[in-house]
Amino acid sequence: MNVKEFITRTITAVFLIAGAYALIKFTPDRWFSLVLFLLISAGAYELVKLTQPVKSCMILVLLSGLIVALSFTFGKPGLRSSIIIILLLTGLFFLFSIRKRENLDTFVRDMGIHFLIIIYLYVPLYFILELKRLGSNFLFFMIFVIAVGDTGAYFVGSAIGKHKIYPVASPKKSLEGLIAAVITAALTGWLSIVVFPVPVKVWQAIATGGVIGLLSQLSDPVESLFKRAAGKKDSGNLLPGHGGVLDRVDSYIFCAPVLFYIITYFWK
C-alpha cells in the first residue's frame, strides 16, 4: 500500500467512523432504518452487478428489501410473512416476464440470485437495527470487536501467516491470522464493556467476543467468493480506498443476527 492509498483509506475511515457513531448514537430508529435500507440497497446493487443474472430487476430487489425493512421497523406483517410475500412477488415477476423458452435456461439461477440477495443481505443486516434497539452500546460492542479482531488477524497474518485456509476465496487469510482474530476479539469483548458498558458478565463478553471474531473471519471470505467468481478485486468503488459497500459490511452479515440472539438468550 503506497502513501497516497494509505492517506485515502485513513480519511475515508475517519468519516465512516464519525458518521456511524453519529447515526447510532443520535438518530431515531426509523431514520436509522431508512439509512440502513439505503446502505444495504447499495450493497444489493453491487451484488447484482457481481452475480450478473441474465434477467434481473433492481426494482424487484428494492421492493423486496423494503418489505424486509418495514417488517423490522414496524413489526408488521412480520418477518416470516414478509419472506412469503417476497417469494410470491419474485415468482410472479418471473412468471409474467419470461416469454421465450430459451429464457428458461437461466430461470432457476436468476430467480435464485434475486431471493439470495434478500436472505444474504437485507435480513441479516437488519439485525443491526435490532441491536440498536437493545441499546447503542450493544451495537458498538459488535463494531469494536470486529474492528480489533480484523486488525489482529491482519498484523499476525502478515507477519507469520503460513497456513492458508481459504485459498480460493481469500488467498491472504491464514490459520495464524484466524487464531489471532479470535483471541484479540475475545480480549476486546472484555475491553468493550469497559468502554461501552452493558449489563453482562466479563466471561460472557469474552466468550461472545471470540465467537464474533470467528464469525467475522468466516463472513468475509463468503463475500469474497462473489468477487472471485466475477473476477473482481472489490465489490465496487463507492468508498475511496475501501472498495464498495459490500466490502465494508460483509463482516456484519453473520455477526449481527448471531450477536442479537446471544444477547437475547444468553446474556442474562
C-alpha atoms as a PDB file:
ATOM      1  CA  MET A   1       0.000   0.000   0.000  1.00  0.00           C
ATOM      2  CA  ASN A   2       1.521   3.311  -1.070  1.00  0.00           C
ATOM      3  CA  VAL A   3       1.352   6.537   0.939  1.00  0.00           C
ATOM      4  CA  LYS A   4      -1.410   8.066  -1.182  1.00  0.00           C
ATOM      5  CA  GLU A   5      -3.605   4.990  -0.861  1.00  0.00           C
ATOM      6  CA  PHE A   6      -2.978   4.863   2.895  1.00  0.00           C
ATOM      7  CA  ILE A   7      -3.985   8.531   3.304  1.00  0.00           C
ATOM      8  CA  THR A   8      -7.119   7.978   1.204  1.00  0.00           C
ATOM      9  CA  ARG A   9      -8.128   4.927   3.240  1.00  0.00           C
ATOM     10  CA  THR A  10      -7.467   6.751   6.511  1.00  0.00           C
ATOM     11  CA  ILE A  11      -9.533   9.818   5.569  1.00  0.00           C
ATOM     12  CA  THR A  12     -12.416   7.637   4.395  1.00  0.00           C
ATOM     13  CA  ALA A  13     -12.214   5.541   7.565  1.00  0.00           C
ATOM     14  CA  VAL A  14     -12.365   8.643   9.794  1.00  0.00           C
ATOM     15  CA  PHE A  15     -15.504   9.898   8.038  1.00  0.00           C
ATOM     16  CA  LEU A  16     -17.101   6.433   8.157  1.00  0.00           C
ATOM     17  CA  ILE A  17     -16.396   6.049  11.888  1.00  0.00           C
ATOM     18  CA  ALA A  18     -17.660   9.536  12.733  1.00  0.00           C
ATOM     19  CA  GLY A  19     -20.747   9.086  10.584  1.00  0.00           C
ATOM     20  CA  ALA A  20     -21.523   5.648  12.022  1.00  0.00           C
ATOM     21  CA  TYR A  21     -21.138   6.917  15.596  1.00  0.00           C
ATOM     22  CA  ALA A  22     -23.478   9.855  14.982  1.00  0.00           C
ATOM     23  CA  LEU A  23     -26.083   7.670  13.296  1.00  0.00           C
ATOM     24  CA  ILE A  24     -26.060   5.052  16.034  1.00  0.00           C
ATOM     25  CA  LYS A  25     -25.952   7.466  18.955  1.00  0.00           C
ATOM     26  CA  PHE A  26     -28.257  10.256  17.874  1.00  0.00           C
ATOM     27  CA  THR A  27     -30.557   9.036  15.070  1.00  0.00           C
ATOM     28  CA  PRO A  28     -34.100   7.841  15.911  1.00  0.00           C
ATOM     29  CA  ASP A  29     -34.757   4.223  14.984  1.00  0.00           C
ATOM     30  CA  ARG A  30     -36.984   4.970  11.996  1.00  0.00           C
ATOM     31  CA  TRP A  31     -34.472   7.351  10.408  1.00  0.00           C
ATOM     32  CA  PHE A  32     -31.689   4.901  11.198  1.00  0.00           C
ATOM     33  CA  SER A  33     -33.738   2.209   9.444  1.00  0.00           C
ATOM     34  CA  LEU A  34     -34.013   4.414   6.354  1.00  0.00           C
ATOM     35  CA  VAL A  35     -30.244   4.972   6.226  1.00  0.00           C
ATOM     36  CA  LEU A  36     -29.698   1.242   6.777  1.00  0.00           C
ATOM     37  CA  PHE A  37     -32.078   0.441   3.919  1.00  0.00           C
ATOM     38  CA  LEU A  38     -30.198   2.758   1.541  1.00  0.00           C
ATOM     39  CA  LEU A  39     -26.863   1.290   2.622  1.00  0.00           C
ATOM     40  CA  ILE A  40     -27.988  -2.310   2.161  1.00  0.00           C
ATOM     41  CA  SER A  41     -29.603  -1.417  -1.162  1.00  0.00           C
ATOM     42  CA  ALA A  42     -26.269  -0.041  -2.392  1.00  0.00           C
ATOM     43  CA  GLY A  43     -24.711  -3.369  -1.424  1.00  0.00           C
ATOM     44  CA  ALA A  44     -27.551  -5.216  -3.167  1.00  0.00           C
ATOM     45  CA  TYR A  45     -26.861  -3.263  -6.361  1.00  0.00           C
ATOM     46  CA  GLU A  46     -23.190  -4.265  -6.135  1.00  0.00           C
ATOM     47  CA  LEU A  47     -24.163  -7.914  -5.641  1.00  0.00           C
ATOM     48  CA  VAL A  48     -26.455  -7.820  -8.669  1.00  0.00           C
ATOM     49  CA  LYS A  49     -23.547  -6.479 -10.746  1.00  0.00           C
ATOM     50  CA  LEU A  50     -21.233  -9.189  -9.410  1.00  0.00           C
ATOM     51  CA  THR A  51     -23.623 -12.110  -9.961  1.00  0.00           C
ATOM     52  CA  GLN A  52     -24.911 -10.751 -13.299  1.00  0.00           C
ATOM     53  CA  PRO A  53     -28.268 -12.506 -13.633  1.00  0.00           C
ATOM     54  CA  VAL A  54     -29.438 -12.691 -17.245  1.00  0.00           C
ATOM     55  CA  LYS A  55     -32.879 -11.417 -16.278  1.00  0.00           C
ATOM     56  CA  SER A  56     -32.777  -9.014 -13.361  1.00  0.00           C
ATOM     57  CA  CYS A  57     -34.986  -6.316 -11.927  1.00  0.00           C
ATOM     58  CA  MET A  58     -33.458  -3.904  -9.430  1.00  0.00           C
ATOM     59  CA  ILE A  59     -36.918  -2.516  -8.693  1.00  0.00           C
ATOM     60  CA  LEU A  60     -37.977  -6.000  -7.563  1.00  0.00           C
ATOM     61  CA  VAL A  61     -34.894  -6.233  -5.339  1.00  0.00           C
ATOM     62  CA  LEU A  62     -35.583  -2.821  -3.790  1.00  0.00           C
ATOM     63  CA  LEU A  63     -39.268  -3.591  -3.263  1.00  0.00           C
ATOM     64  CA  SER A  64     -38.411  -6.899  -1.598  1.00  0.00           C
ATOM     65  CA  GLY A  65     -35.782  -5.195   0.541  1.00  0.00           C
ATOM     66  CA  LEU A  66     -38.308  -2.540   1.521  1.00  0.00           C
ATOM     67  CA  ILE A  67     -40.716  -5.226   2.715  1.00  0.00           C
ATOM     68  CA  VAL A  68     -37.975  -6.643   4.951  1.00  0.00           C
ATOM     69  CA  ALA A  69     -37.133  -3.133   6.189  1.00  0.00           C
ATOM     70  CA  LEU A  70     -40.762  -2.415   7.071  1.00  0.00           C
ATOM     71  CA  SER A  71     -41.149  -5.740   8.869  1.00  0.00           C
ATOM     72  CA  PHE A  72     -38.145  -4.974  11.082  1.00  0.00           C
ATOM     73  CA  THR A  73     -39.048  -1.309  11.557  1.00  0.00           C
ATOM     74  CA  PHE A  74     -42.745  -1.644  12.332  1.00  0.00           C
ATOM     75  CA  GLY A  75     -43.097  -5.332  13.179  1.00  0.00           C
ATOM     76  CA  LYS A  76     -45.857  -5.913  10.659  1.00  0.00           C
ATOM     77  CA  PRO A  77     -46.597  -8.162   8.841  1.00  0.00           C
ATOM     78  CA  GLY A  78     -43.696  -9.999  10.470  1.00  0.00           C
ATOM     79  CA  LEU A  79     -40.510 -11.431   9.012  1.00  0.00           C
ATOM     80  CA  ARG A  80     -41.917 -14.844   8.129  1.00  0.00           C
ATOM     81  CA  SER A  81     -44.876 -13.302   6.340  1.00  0.00           C
ATOM     82  CA  SER A  82     -42.539 -10.882   4.570  1.00  0.00           C
ATOM     83  CA  ILE A  83     -40.404 -13.718   3.193  1.00  0.00           C
ATOM     84  CA  ILE A  84     -43.529 -15.396   1.843  1.00  0.00           C
ATOM     85  CA  ILE A  85     -44.665 -12.144   0.201  1.00  0.00           C
ATOM     86  CA  ILE A  86     -41.221 -11.627  -1.324  1.00  0.00           C
ATOM     87  CA  LEU A  87     -41.160 -15.185  -2.672  1.00  0.00           C
ATOM     88  CA  LEU A  88     -44.611 -14.621  -4.189  1.00  0.00           C
ATOM     89  CA  LEU A  89     -43.562 -11.331  -5.817  1.00  0.00           C
ATOM     90  CA  THR A  90     -40.377 -12.880  -7.197  1.00  0.00           C
ATOM     91  CA  GLY A  91     -42.270 -15.863  -8.579  1.00  0.00           C
ATOM     92  CA  LEU A  92     -44.881 -13.651 -10.240  1.00  0.00           C
ATOM     93  CA  PHE A  93     -42.202 -11.407 -11.744  1.00  0.00           C
ATOM     94  CA  PHE A  94     -40.511 -14.311 -13.480  1.00  0.00           C
ATOM     95  CA  LEU A  95     -43.819 -15.960 -14.394  1.00  0.00           C
ATOM     96  CA  PHE A  96     -45.021 -12.909 -16.308  1.00  0.00           C
ATOM     97  CA  SER A  97     -41.647 -11.686 -17.611  1.00  0.00           C
ATOM     98  CA  ILE A  98     -40.375 -14.901 -19.190  1.00  0.00           C
ATOM     99  CA  ARG A  99     -41.858 -15.029 -22.670  1.00  0.00           C
ATOM    100  CA  LYS A 100     -39.423 -17.243 -24.546  1.00  0.00           C
ATOM    101  CA  ARG A 101     -38.489 -20.873 -23.947  1.00  0.00           C
ATOM    102  CA  GLU A 102     -34.772 -20.086 -24.188  1.00  0.00           C
ATOM    103  CA  ASN A 103     -35.121 -17.843 -21.114  1.00  0.00           C
ATOM    104  CA  LEU A 104     -35.806 -20.968 -19.067  1.00  0.00           C
ATOM    105  CA  ASP A 105     -32.125 -21.904 -19.308  1.00  0.00           C
ATOM    106  CA  THR A 106     -31.274 -19.241 -16.725  1.00  0.00           C
ATOM    107  CA  PHE A 107     -34.588 -19.059 -14.851  1.00  0.00           C
ATOM    108  CA  VAL A 108     -33.511 -21.055 -11.776  1.00  0.00           C
ATOM    109  CA  ARG A 109     -30.234 -19.135 -11.489  1.00  0.00           C
ATOM    110  CA  ASP A 110     -31.839 -15.714 -11.970  1.00  0.00           C
ATOM    111  CA  MET A 111     -34.674 -16.313  -9.515  1.00  0.00           C
ATOM    112  CA  GLY A 112     -32.220 -17.804  -7.023  1.00  0.00           C
ATOM    113  CA  ILE A 113     -29.998 -14.712  -7.211  1.00  0.00           C
ATOM    114  CA  HIS A 114     -32.911 -12.363  -6.521  1.00  0.00           C
ATOM    115  CA  PHE A 115     -34.019 -14.340  -3.489  1.00  0.00           C
ATOM    116  CA  LEU A 116     -30.432 -14.838  -2.313  1.00  0.00           C
ATOM    117  CA  ILE A 117     -29.840 -11.080  -2.167  1.00  0.00           C
ATOM    118  CA  ILE A 118     -32.747 -10.702   0.268  1.00  0.00           C
ATOM    119  CA  ILE A 119     -31.726 -13.610   2.500  1.00  0.00           C
ATOM    120  CA  TYR A 120     -27.997 -12.856   2.331  1.00  0.00           C
ATOM    121  CA  LEU A 121     -28.114  -9.070   2.758  1.00  0.00           C
ATOM    122  CA  TYR A 122     -31.362  -7.460   3.872  1.00  0.00           C
ATOM    123  CA  VAL A 123     -32.473  -9.980   6.502  1.00  0.00           C
ATOM    124  CA  PRO A 124     -29.190 -10.451   8.433  1.00  0.00           C
ATOM    125  CA  LEU A 125     -28.060  -6.835   8.163  1.00  0.00           C
ATOM    126  CA  TYR A 126     -31.368  -5.563   9.507  1.00  0.00           C
ATOM    127  CA  PHE A 127     -30.434  -7.183  12.803  1.00  0.00           C
ATOM    128  CA  ILE A 128     -28.176  -4.128  13.127  1.00  0.00           C
ATOM    129  CA  LEU A 129     -31.391  -2.205  13.802  1.00  0.00           C
ATOM    130  CA  GLU A 130     -32.408  -4.822  16.374  1.00  0.00           C
ATOM    131  CA  LEU A 131     -29.084  -4.398  18.173  1.00  0.00           C
ATOM    132  CA  LYS A 132     -29.513  -0.626  18.208  1.00  0.00           C
ATOM    133  CA  ARG A 133     -32.935  -1.067  19.787  1.00  0.00           C
ATOM    134  CA  LEU A 134     -31.397  -3.138  22.562  1.00  0.00           C
ATOM    135  CA  GLY A 135     -29.080  -0.175  23.189  1.00  0.00           C
ATOM    136  CA  SER A 136     -26.468   1.641  21.153  1.00  0.00           C
ATOM    137  CA  ASN A 137     -23.649   0.150  23.253  1.00  0.00           C
ATOM    138  CA  PHE A 138     -24.585  -3.344  22.107  1.00  0.00           C
ATOM    139  CA  LEU A 139     -24.028  -2.240  18.524  1.00  0.00           C
ATOM    140  CA  PHE A 140     -20.782  -0.504  19.456  1.00  0.00           C
ATOM    141  CA  PHE A 141     -19.705  -3.764  21.118  1.00  0.00           C
ATOM    142  CA  MET A 142     -20.019  -5.614  17.805  1.00  0.00           C
ATOM    143  CA  ILE A 143     -18.308  -2.908  15.743  1.00  0.00           C
ATOM    144  CA  PHE A 144     -15.412  -2.584  18.195  1.00  0.00           C
ATOM    145  CA  VAL A 145     -14.867  -6.343  18.488  1.00  0.00           C
ATOM    146  CA  ILE A 146     -14.939  -6.907  14.724  1.00  0.00           C
ATOM    147  CA  ALA A 147     -12.595  -3.974  14.009  1.00  0.00           C
ATOM    148  CA  VAL A 148      -9.955  -5.053  16.540  1.00  0.00           C
ATOM    149  CA  GLY A 149     -10.295  -8.715  15.575  1.00  0.00           C
ATOM    150  CA  ASP A 150      -9.742  -7.860  11.913  1.00  0.00           C
ATOM    151  CA  THR A 151      -6.712  -5.754  12.861  1.00  0.00           C
ATOM    152  CA  GLY A 152      -5.232  -8.597  14.887  1.00  0.00           C
ATOM    153  CA  ALA A 153      -5.784 -11.019  12.016  1.00  0.00           C
ATOM    154  CA  TYR A 154      -4.147  -8.635   9.541  1.00  0.00           C
ATOM    155  CA  PHE A 155      -0.967  -7.961  11.510  1.00  0.00           C
ATOM    156  CA  VAL A 156      -0.399 -11.524  12.715  1.00  0.00           C
ATOM    157  CA  GLY A 157      -1.332 -12.999   9.344  1.00  0.00           C
ATOM    158  CA  SER A 158       1.024 -10.603   7.545  1.00  0.00           C
ATOM    159  CA  ALA A 159       3.887 -11.347   9.955  1.00  0.00           C
ATOM    160  CA  ILE A 160       3.734 -15.114  10.473  1.00  0.00           C
ATOM    161  CA  GLY A 161       0.780 -16.410   8.456  1.00  0.00           C
ATOM    162  CA  LYS A 162       1.808 -19.558   6.576  1.00  0.00           C
ATOM    163  CA  HIS A 163      -1.129 -21.964   6.634  1.00  0.00           C
ATOM    164  CA  LYS A 164      -3.733 -20.770   4.125  1.00  0.00           C
ATOM    165  CA  ILE A 165      -7.299 -21.709   4.960  1.00  0.00           C
ATOM    166  CA  TYR A 166      -9.383 -20.031   2.216  1.00  0.00           C
ATOM    167  CA  PRO A 167      -7.024 -20.044  -0.799  1.00  0.00           C
ATOM    168  CA  VAL A 168      -9.832 -19.773  -3.364  1.00  0.00           C
ATOM    169  CA  ALA A 169     -11.820 -17.047  -1.612  1.00  0.00           C
ATOM    170  CA  SER A 170      -9.143 -15.129   0.311  1.00  0.00           C
ATOM    171  CA  PRO A 171      -5.572 -16.164  -0.568  1.00  0.00           C
ATOM    172  CA  LYS A 172      -4.024 -13.975   2.144  1.00  0.00           C
ATOM    173  CA  LYS A 173      -6.065 -15.306   5.071  1.00  0.00           C
ATOM    174  CA  SER A 174      -4.200 -17.778   7.239  1.00  0.00           C
ATOM    175  CA  LEU A 175      -4.852 -20.040  10.210  1.00  0.00           C
ATOM    176  CA  GLU A 176      -2.481 -17.906  12.265  1.00  0.00           C
ATOM    177  CA  GLY A 177      -4.485 -14.788  11.402  1.00  0.00           C
ATOM    178  CA  LEU A 178      -7.746 -16.554  12.241  1.00  0.00           C
ATOM    179  CA  ILE A 179      -6.457 -17.581  15.670  1.00  0.00           C
ATOM    180  CA  ALA A 180      -5.216 -14.028  16.278  1.00  0.00           C
ATOM    181  CA  ALA A 181      -8.627 -12.646  15.296  1.00  0.00           C
ATOM    182  CA  VAL A 182     -10.428 -14.889  17.776  1.00  0.00           C
ATOM    183  CA  ILE A 183      -8.013 -14.079  20.618  1.00  0.00           C
ATOM    184  CA  THR A 184      -7.921 -10.321  20.042  1.00  0.00           C
ATOM    185  CA  ALA A 185     -11.690 -10.209  19.545  1.00  0.00           C
ATOM    186  CA  ALA A 186     -12.221 -12.135  22.791  1.00  0.00           C
ATOM    187  CA  LEU A 187      -9.991  -9.731  24.720  1.00  0.00           C
ATOM    188  CA  THR A 188     -11.741  -6.820  23.048  1.00  0.00           C
ATOM    189  CA  GLY A 189     -15.046  -8.236  24.267  1.00  0.00           C
ATOM    190  CA  TRP A 190     -13.832  -7.549  27.792  1.00  0.00           C
ATOM    191  CA  LEU A 191     -12.397  -4.136  26.877  1.00  0.00           C
ATOM    192  CA  SER A 192     -15.566  -3.173  25.025  1.00  0.00           C
ATOM    193  CA  ILE A 193     -17.830  -3.496  28.066  1.00  0.00           C
ATOM    194  CA  VAL A 194     -15.453  -1.161  29.897  1.00  0.00           C
ATOM    195  CA  VAL A 195     -15.612   1.466  27.136  1.00  0.00           C
ATOM    196  CA  PHE A 196     -19.281   0.803  26.229  1.00  0.00           C
ATOM    197  CA  PRO A 197     -20.908  -0.516  29.425  1.00  0.00           C
ATOM    198  CA  VAL A 198     -23.610  -3.163  29.000  1.00  0.00           C
ATOM    199  CA  PRO A 199     -25.206  -5.477  31.581  1.00  0.00           C
ATOM    200  CA  VAL A 200     -23.164  -8.648  31.004  1.00  0.00           C
ATOM    201  CA  LYS A 201     -20.643 -10.725  32.917  1.00  0.00           C
ATOM    202  CA  VAL A 202     -16.984 -10.462  31.899  1.00  0.00           C
ATOM    203  CA  TRP A 203     -16.685 -14.121  30.901  1.00  0.00           C
ATOM    204  CA  GLN A 204     -19.780 -13.776  28.686  1.00  0.00           C
ATOM    205  CA  ALA A 205     -18.329 -10.716  26.968  1.00  0.00           C
ATOM    206  CA  ILE A 206     -15.035 -12.516  26.369  1.00  0.00           C
ATOM    207  CA  ALA A 207     -16.724 -15.655  25.019  1.00  0.00           C
ATOM    208  CA  THR A 208     -19.044 -13.621  22.808  1.00  0.00           C
ATOM    209  CA  GLY A 209     -16.118 -11.572  21.520  1.00  0.00           C
ATOM    210  CA  GLY A 210     -14.356 -14.772  20.475  1.00  0.00           C
ATOM    211  CA  VAL A 211     -17.457 -16.028  18.666  1.00  0.00           C
ATOM    212  CA  ILE A 212     -17.907 -12.716  16.850  1.00  0.00           C
ATOM    213  CA  GLY A 213     -14.210 -12.679  15.918  1.00  0.00           C
ATOM    214  CA  LEU A 214     -14.528 -16.157  14.421  1.00  0.00           C
ATOM    215  CA  LEU A 215     -17.737 -15.382  12.530  1.00  0.00           C
ATOM    216  CA  SER A 216     -16.337 -12.167  11.070  1.00  0.00           C
ATOM    217  CA  GLN A 217     -13.393 -14.103   9.663  1.00  0.00           C
ATOM    218  CA  LEU A 218     -15.791 -16.603   8.076  1.00  0.00           C
ATOM    219  CA  SER A 219     -18.203 -13.988   6.760  1.00  0.00           C
ATOM    220  CA  ASP A 220     -15.582 -12.040   4.807  1.00  0.00           C
ATOM    221  CA  PRO A 221     -14.413 -14.964   2.602  1.00  0.00           C
ATOM    222  CA  VAL A 222     -18.001 -15.836   1.703  1.00  0.00           C
ATOM    223  CA  GLU A 223     -18.444 -12.344   0.263  1.00  0.00           C
ATOM    224  CA  SER A 224     -15.061 -12.735  -1.447  1.00  0.00           C
ATOM    225  CA  LEU A 225     -16.383 -15.762  -3.338  1.00  0.00           C
ATOM    226  CA  PHE A 226     -18.810 -13.499  -5.195  1.00  0.00           C
ATOM    227  CA  LYS A 227     -15.941 -11.206  -6.195  1.00  0.00           C
ATOM    228  CA  ARG A 228     -13.652 -14.083  -7.220  1.00  0.00           C
ATOM    229  CA  ALA A 229     -16.425 -15.636  -9.306  1.00  0.00           C
ATOM    230  CA  ALA A 230     -16.893 -12.295 -11.072  1.00  0.00           C
ATOM    231  CA  GLY A 231     -13.134 -11.719 -11.426  1.00  0.00           C
ATOM    232  CA  LYS A 232     -13.251  -8.539  -9.331  1.00  0.00           C
ATOM    233  CA  LYS A 233     -10.997  -7.302  -6.542  1.00  0.00           C
ATOM    234  CA  ASP A 234     -13.628  -5.074  -4.910  1.00  0.00           C
ATOM    235  CA  SER A 235     -17.425  -5.160  -4.949  1.00  0.00           C
ATOM    236  CA  GLY A 236     -17.486  -1.508  -6.055  1.00  0.00           C
ATOM    237  CA  ASN A 237     -15.721   1.844  -5.767  1.00  0.00           C
ATOM    238  CA  LEU A 238     -18.194   3.914  -3.779  1.00  0.00           C
ATOM    239  CA  LEU A 239     -15.841   4.308  -0.795  1.00  0.00           C
ATOM    240  CA  PRO A 240     -12.411   5.685  -1.783  1.00  0.00           C
ATOM    241  CA  GLY A 241      -9.666   3.324  -0.701  1.00  0.00           C
ATOM    242  CA  HIS A 242     -12.161   0.836   0.754  1.00  0.00           C
ATOM    243  CA  GLY A 243     -13.907  -0.564  -2.299  1.00  0.00           C
ATOM    244  CA  GLY A 244     -17.657  -0.954  -2.246  1.00  0.00           C
ATOM    245  CA  VAL A 245     -20.358  -1.145   0.405  1.00  0.00           C
ATOM    246  CA  LEU A 246     -20.233  -4.944   0.451  1.00  0.00           C
ATOM    247  CA  ASP A 247     -16.523  -4.786   1.256  1.00  0.00           C
ATOM    248  CA  ARG A 248     -17.327  -2.770   4.409  1.00  0.00           C
ATOM    249  CA  VAL A 249     -20.414  -4.623   5.679  1.00  0.00           C
ATOM    250  CA  ASP A 250     -19.512  -8.220   4.866  1.00  0.00           C
ATOM    251  CA  SER A 251     -18.256  -8.966   8.388  1.00  0.00           C
ATOM    252  CA  TYR A 252     -21.619  -7.975   9.878  1.00  0.00           C
ATOM    253  CA  ILE A 253     -23.702 -10.346   7.754  1.00  0.00           C
ATOM    254  CA  PHE A 254     -23.063 -13.340  10.034  1.00  0.00           C
ATOM    255  CA  CYS A 255     -22.284 -11.401  13.208  1.00  0.00           C
ATOM    256  CA  ALA A 256     -25.334  -9.142  13.602  1.00  0.00           C
ATOM    257  CA  PRO A 257     -28.036 -11.843  13.857  1.00  0.00           C
ATOM    258  CA  VAL A 258     -25.851 -14.174  15.939  1.00  0.00           C
ATOM    259  CA  LEU A 259     -24.960 -11.432  18.423  1.00  0.00           C
ATOM    260  CA  PHE A 260     -28.613 -10.417  18.714  1.00  0.00           C
ATOM    261  CA  TYR A 261     -29.649 -13.948  19.667  1.00  0.00           C
ATOM    262  CA  ILE A 262     -26.686 -14.383  22.022  1.00  0.00           C
ATOM    263  CA  ILE A 263     -27.664 -11.202  23.852  1.00  0.00           C
ATOM    264  CA  THR A 264     -31.350 -12.137  23.873  1.00  0.00           C
ATOM    265  CA  TYR A 265     -30.986 -15.712  25.107  1.00  0.00           C
ATOM    266  CA  PHE A 266     -27.619 -15.965  26.879  1.00  0.00           C
ATOM    267  CA  TRP A 267     -26.758 -12.550  28.306  1.00  0.00           C
ATOM    268  CA  LYS A 268     -28.839 -12.764  31.432  1.00  0.00           C
END
